[in-house]
Amino acid sequence: MNKFAAIVFPDARSAYEGLHALRQLHAEGTLTVYETHVVKRDASGLLHTLKQNDQGPIGLGVGALVDALVGLFGGPVGAALGTAVGGAAGVMRDEFHTIVSDEFLERLEQNLSAGKFAVIAEISEDWVAPLDARMAELRGTVVREEREPFAGAAMSKESSLEREIEDARWKLTSMANKAERWVDQMEQELNAKVEALEAQATGAKPWVRNHVEERISEIRKDYAERKQKLIRANELTREALRY
């Protein structure tokens, strides 16, 4: 399963050493790295992107996650956690929940305090110990989250808003439009990831190739499941909009 990993460091030097270590783990075949961003939280609490798309194909996940985090840390973090009220807070929560959970945000908020740095990455890993151990050596703390299927959020939203469809109509319309675009984007992302994995397997040792082939199979399966859920979510949403 693909995961988001936010690796928090106390300073810039450690963060870039962590980024280098992540590349090494990728080269060794211990895990696969699809995309990385380096961010900093300044003294006022705002989040800034310092380096992006460092390795691997340009994905849909990390960029969207970092954009959401920049927006959330730029405003009241409570809005993302549900402690704020009003339309703007609701929109922030809805957008964030299509990417990761409140629990991920809470753990990241606890670790990524003012003045700290983080490497935000999307990875595939067979076990967590290698990454945790390598980052601990560099004073890094790893916060993980399995990629939240966009379709799951869409279906949950459609169900929860069924009783108040009129008030939430614009949200459903937005979700349906996003679901349609997401199917095409997911296929592009799949192809890019498979290409990256095949490149990683080229010339690698047999055990590395075996792990990479397993990851390719897992990614294809995950893509097929997410595509079907997206299609179903779109059908349910369009049906709700007809009432």
Protein backbone atom coordinates (compact mmCIF):
# COMPACT_ATOMS: atom_id res chain seq x y z
CA MET A 1 0.00 0.00 0.00
CA ASN A 2 1.27 3.46 -0.85
CA LYS A 3 1.78 5.74 2.11
CA PHE A 4 2.40 9.35 2.91
CA ALA A 5 5.41 9.78 5.18
CA ALA A 6 6.13 13.08 6.90
CA ILE A 7 9.62 12.91 8.43
CA VAL A 8 10.20 15.75 10.89
CA PHE A 9 13.71 17.06 11.67
CA PRO A 10 15.00 19.69 14.10
CA ASP A 11 17.00 21.64 11.50
CA ALA A 12 17.64 22.07 7.77
CA ARG A 13 20.86 20.06 7.70
CA SER A 14 19.20 17.03 9.24
CA ALA A 15 16.27 17.36 6.82
CA TYR A 16 18.49 17.30 3.75
CA GLU A 17 20.52 14.45 5.20
CA GLY A 18 17.21 12.66 5.68
CA LEU A 19 16.30 13.34 2.06
CA HIS A 20 19.63 11.84 0.98
CA ALA A 21 19.02 8.80 3.19
CA LEU A 22 15.60 8.37 1.61
CA ARG A 23 17.26 8.29 -1.82
CA GLN A 24 19.69 5.66 -0.58
CA LEU A 25 16.87 3.46 0.70
CA HIS A 26 15.24 3.79 -2.71
CA ALA A 27 18.50 2.86 -4.47
CA GLU A 28 18.90 -0.16 -2.18
CA GLY A 29 15.37 -1.31 -3.03
CA THR A 30 14.34 -1.25 0.64
CA LEU A 31 11.44 1.01 -0.32
CA THR A 32 10.22 2.99 -3.32
CA VAL A 33 10.04 6.79 -3.27
CA TYR A 34 7.65 8.44 -5.73
CA GLU A 35 7.85 12.11 -4.81
CA THR A 36 9.31 14.32 -2.10
CA HIS A 37 8.90 17.86 -0.81
CA VAL A 38 10.97 19.59 1.87
CA VAL A 39 9.05 22.07 4.02
CA LYS A 40 9.77 24.37 6.94
CA ARG A 41 7.50 25.74 9.63
CA ASP A 42 8.63 29.24 10.53
CA ALA A 43 8.56 31.00 13.88
CA SER A 44 5.03 32.26 13.28
CA GLY A 45 3.76 28.77 12.49
CA LEU A 46 3.44 29.18 8.72
CA LEU A 47 4.55 26.35 6.44
CA HIS A 48 6.85 26.99 3.46
CA THR A 49 7.91 24.66 0.65
CA LEU A 50 11.70 24.67 0.18
CA LYS A 51 12.23 21.85 -2.34
CA GLN A 52 9.78 19.78 -4.36
CA ASN A 53 9.58 16.89 -6.81
CA ASP A 54 13.07 15.89 -5.83
CA GLN A 55 12.88 12.27 -6.95
CA GLY A 56 10.60 10.06 -8.97
CA PRO A 57 7.65 10.97 -11.16
CA ILE A 58 5.44 13.94 -10.40
CA GLY A 59 2.57 12.43 -8.46
CA LEU A 60 -0.87 13.63 -7.53
CA GLY A 61 -0.59 12.92 -3.82
CA VAL A 62 2.32 14.77 -2.25
CA GLY A 63 1.71 18.04 -4.08
CA ALA A 64 -1.94 18.07 -3.03
CA LEU A 65 -1.03 17.14 0.53
CA VAL A 66 1.59 19.87 0.84
CA ASP A 67 -0.76 22.46 -0.68
CA ALA A 68 -3.40 21.49 1.88
CA LEU A 69 -0.90 21.62 4.73
CA VAL A 70 0.35 25.06 3.65
CA GLY A 71 -3.23 26.29 3.69
CA LEU A 72 -4.06 24.70 7.02
CA PHE A 73 -0.91 25.77 8.84
CA GLY A 74 -1.38 29.21 7.33
CA GLY A 75 -4.72 29.51 9.12
CA PRO A 76 -6.26 28.11 12.26
CA VAL A 77 -5.19 24.49 12.58
CA GLY A 78 -8.31 23.92 14.63
CA ALA A 79 -10.33 24.37 11.47
CA ALA A 80 -8.89 21.17 10.10
CA LEU A 81 -9.56 19.35 13.36
CA GLY A 82 -13.18 20.35 13.51
CA THR A 83 -12.89 22.81 16.41
CA ALA A 84 -13.77 25.82 14.26
CA VAL A 85 -17.20 26.54 12.82
CA GLY A 86 -18.50 28.15 9.69
CA GLY A 87 -18.40 27.55 5.95
CA ALA A 88 -14.69 28.22 5.47
CA ALA A 89 -13.71 25.73 8.16
CA GLY A 90 -16.01 23.13 6.61
CA VAL A 91 -14.43 23.56 3.19
CA MET A 92 -10.93 23.21 4.68
CA ARG A 93 -11.91 20.01 6.48
CA ASP A 94 -13.59 18.56 3.39
CA GLU A 95 -10.60 19.24 1.15
CA PHE A 96 -8.15 17.82 3.68
CA HIS A 97 -10.22 14.67 4.24
CA THR A 98 -9.95 13.75 0.56
CA ILE A 99 -6.21 13.34 1.19
CA VAL A 100 -5.50 12.24 4.78
CA SER A 101 -7.20 11.94 8.15
CA ASP A 102 -7.48 14.23 11.15
CA GLU A 103 -5.27 11.78 13.05
CA PHE A 104 -2.43 12.32 10.59
CA LEU A 105 -2.76 16.09 10.93
CA GLU A 106 -2.80 15.88 14.72
CA ARG A 107 0.37 13.78 14.82
CA LEU A 108 2.07 16.08 12.34
CA GLU A 109 1.00 19.16 14.30
CA GLN A 110 2.46 17.67 17.48
CA ASN A 111 5.82 16.98 15.86
CA LEU A 112 6.23 19.78 13.31
CA SER A 113 6.48 22.71 15.70
CA ALA A 114 7.77 26.17 14.80
CA GLY A 115 11.33 26.18 13.50
CA LYS A 116 11.35 22.54 12.43
CA PHE A 117 11.67 21.01 8.97
CA ALA A 118 10.04 18.00 7.31
CA VAL A 119 10.46 15.79 4.28
CA ILE A 120 7.01 14.92 2.93
CA ALA A 121 7.08 11.86 0.66
CA GLU A 122 4.91 9.24 -0.93
CA ILE A 123 6.45 5.79 -0.56
CA SER A 124 5.86 2.07 -0.84
CA GLU A 125 7.52 -0.01 1.86
CA ASP A 126 7.35 -3.67 2.86
CA TRP A 127 8.16 -2.99 6.50
CA VAL A 128 8.55 0.15 8.59
CA ALA A 129 11.70 -0.66 10.57
CA PRO A 130 14.33 0.30 7.93
CA LEU A 131 12.96 3.80 7.39
CA ASP A 132 12.31 4.40 11.09
CA ALA A 133 15.81 3.27 12.06
CA ARG A 134 17.60 5.28 9.35
CA MET A 135 15.67 8.45 10.18
CA ALA A 136 16.11 8.02 13.94
CA GLU A 137 19.88 8.12 13.37
CA LEU A 138 19.35 11.59 11.88
CA ARG A 139 17.00 12.71 14.68
CA GLY A 140 14.02 12.33 12.38
CA THR A 141 10.50 11.34 13.46
CA VAL A 142 8.35 9.51 10.91
CA VAL A 143 4.59 10.15 10.74
CA ARG A 144 2.80 7.80 8.31
CA GLU A 145 -0.62 7.50 6.72
CA GLU A 146 -1.84 5.07 4.09
CA ARG A 147 -3.14 6.99 1.09
CA GLU A 148 -6.80 7.73 1.66
CA PRO A 149 -8.71 6.57 -1.43
CA PHE A 150 -10.42 9.65 -2.80
CA ALA A 151 -13.40 7.49 -3.69
CA GLY A 152 -13.85 6.40 -0.09
CA ALA A 153 -14.12 10.01 0.98
CA ALA A 154 -16.51 10.73 -1.86
CA MET A 155 -18.81 7.82 -1.00
CA SER A 156 -18.77 8.68 2.69
CA LYS A 157 -19.63 12.28 1.86
CA GLU A 158 -22.50 11.27 -0.41
CA SER A 159 -23.97 9.07 2.30
CA SER A 160 -23.62 11.57 5.13
CA LEU A 161 -25.17 14.40 3.12
CA GLU A 162 -28.09 12.44 1.78
CA ARG A 163 -30.50 13.84 4.38
CA GLU A 164 -29.50 17.43 3.70
CA ILE A 165 -28.89 17.29 -0.03
CA GLU A 166 -30.17 20.78 -0.78
CA ASP A 167 -27.81 22.51 1.65
CA ALA A 168 -24.87 20.43 0.43
CA ARG A 169 -25.63 20.50 -3.29
CA TRP A 170 -22.59 22.51 -4.27
CA LYS A 171 -20.34 20.12 -2.34
CA LEU A 172 -21.77 17.12 -4.17
CA THR A 173 -21.36 18.81 -7.54
CA SER A 174 -17.75 19.61 -6.75
CA MET A 175 -17.10 16.05 -5.60
CA ALA A 176 -18.63 14.55 -8.75
CA ASN A 177 -16.54 16.77 -11.00
CA LYS A 178 -13.40 15.89 -9.09
CA ALA A 179 -14.18 12.17 -9.27
CA GLU A 180 -14.41 12.34 -13.07
CA ARG A 181 -11.08 14.13 -13.35
CA TRP A 182 -9.47 11.84 -10.81
CA VAL A 183 -10.02 8.70 -12.91
CA ASP A 184 -7.89 10.08 -15.75
CA GLN A 185 -5.29 11.49 -13.38
CA MET A 186 -5.03 8.21 -11.49
CA GLU A 187 -4.19 6.34 -14.70
CA GLN A 188 -1.41 8.83 -15.46
CA GLU A 189 -0.11 8.42 -11.92
CA LEU A 190 -0.24 4.62 -12.21
CA ASN A 191 1.79 4.64 -15.40
CA ALA A 192 4.38 6.99 -13.88
CA LYS A 193 4.74 4.85 -10.77
CA VAL A 194 5.07 1.61 -12.73
CA GLU A 195 7.73 3.26 -14.87
CA ALA A 196 9.62 4.34 -11.75
CA LEU A 197 9.40 0.87 -10.25
CA GLU A 198 10.58 -0.80 -13.45
CA ALA A 199 13.54 1.58 -13.56
CA GLN A 200 14.33 0.74 -9.95
CA ALA A 201 14.30 -3.00 -10.79
CA THR A 202 16.63 -2.64 -13.77
CA GLY A 203 19.99 -4.15 -12.90
CA ALA A 204 18.91 -4.77 -9.30
CA LYS A 205 19.58 -7.91 -7.30
CA PRO A 206 16.98 -10.71 -7.60
CA TRP A 207 15.46 -10.10 -4.17
CA VAL A 208 15.05 -6.41 -4.97
CA ARG A 209 13.35 -7.23 -8.29
CA ASN A 210 10.97 -9.57 -6.46
CA HIS A 211 9.99 -6.83 -4.02
CA VAL A 212 9.54 -4.33 -6.85
CA GLU A 213 7.37 -6.74 -8.83
CA GLU A 214 5.21 -7.23 -5.74
CA ARG A 215 4.84 -3.46 -5.43
CA ILE A 216 3.84 -3.16 -9.09
CA SER A 217 1.18 -5.85 -8.62
CA GLU A 218 -0.08 -4.13 -5.47
CA ILE A 219 -0.25 -0.73 -7.17
CA ARG A 220 -2.19 -2.13 -10.14
CA LYS A 221 -4.65 -3.85 -7.81
CA ASP A 222 -5.07 -0.72 -5.72
CA TYR A 223 -5.63 1.36 -8.87
CA ALA A 224 -8.34 -1.00 -10.14
CA GLU A 225 -10.15 -0.93 -6.80
CA ARG A 226 -9.94 2.85 -6.47
CA LYS A 227 -11.15 3.32 -10.05
CA GLN A 228 -14.24 1.20 -9.44
CA LYS A 229 -15.00 3.05 -6.21
CA LEU A 230 -14.60 6.39 -7.96
CA ILE A 231 -16.98 5.35 -10.71
CA ARG A 232 -19.53 4.14 -8.15
CA ALA A 233 -19.12 7.28 -6.04
CA ASN A 234 -19.71 9.44 -9.10
CA GLU A 235 -22.84 7.46 -10.00
CA LEU A 236 -24.25 7.84 -6.47
CA THR A 237 -23.44 11.54 -6.38
CA ARG A 238 -25.03 12.24 -9.77
CA GLU A 239 -28.08 10.26 -8.70
CA ALA A 240 -28.38 12.32 -5.51
CA LEU A 241 -28.14 15.55 -7.49
CA ARG A 242 -31.16 14.53 -9.56
CA TYR A 243 -33.47 14.63 -6.55
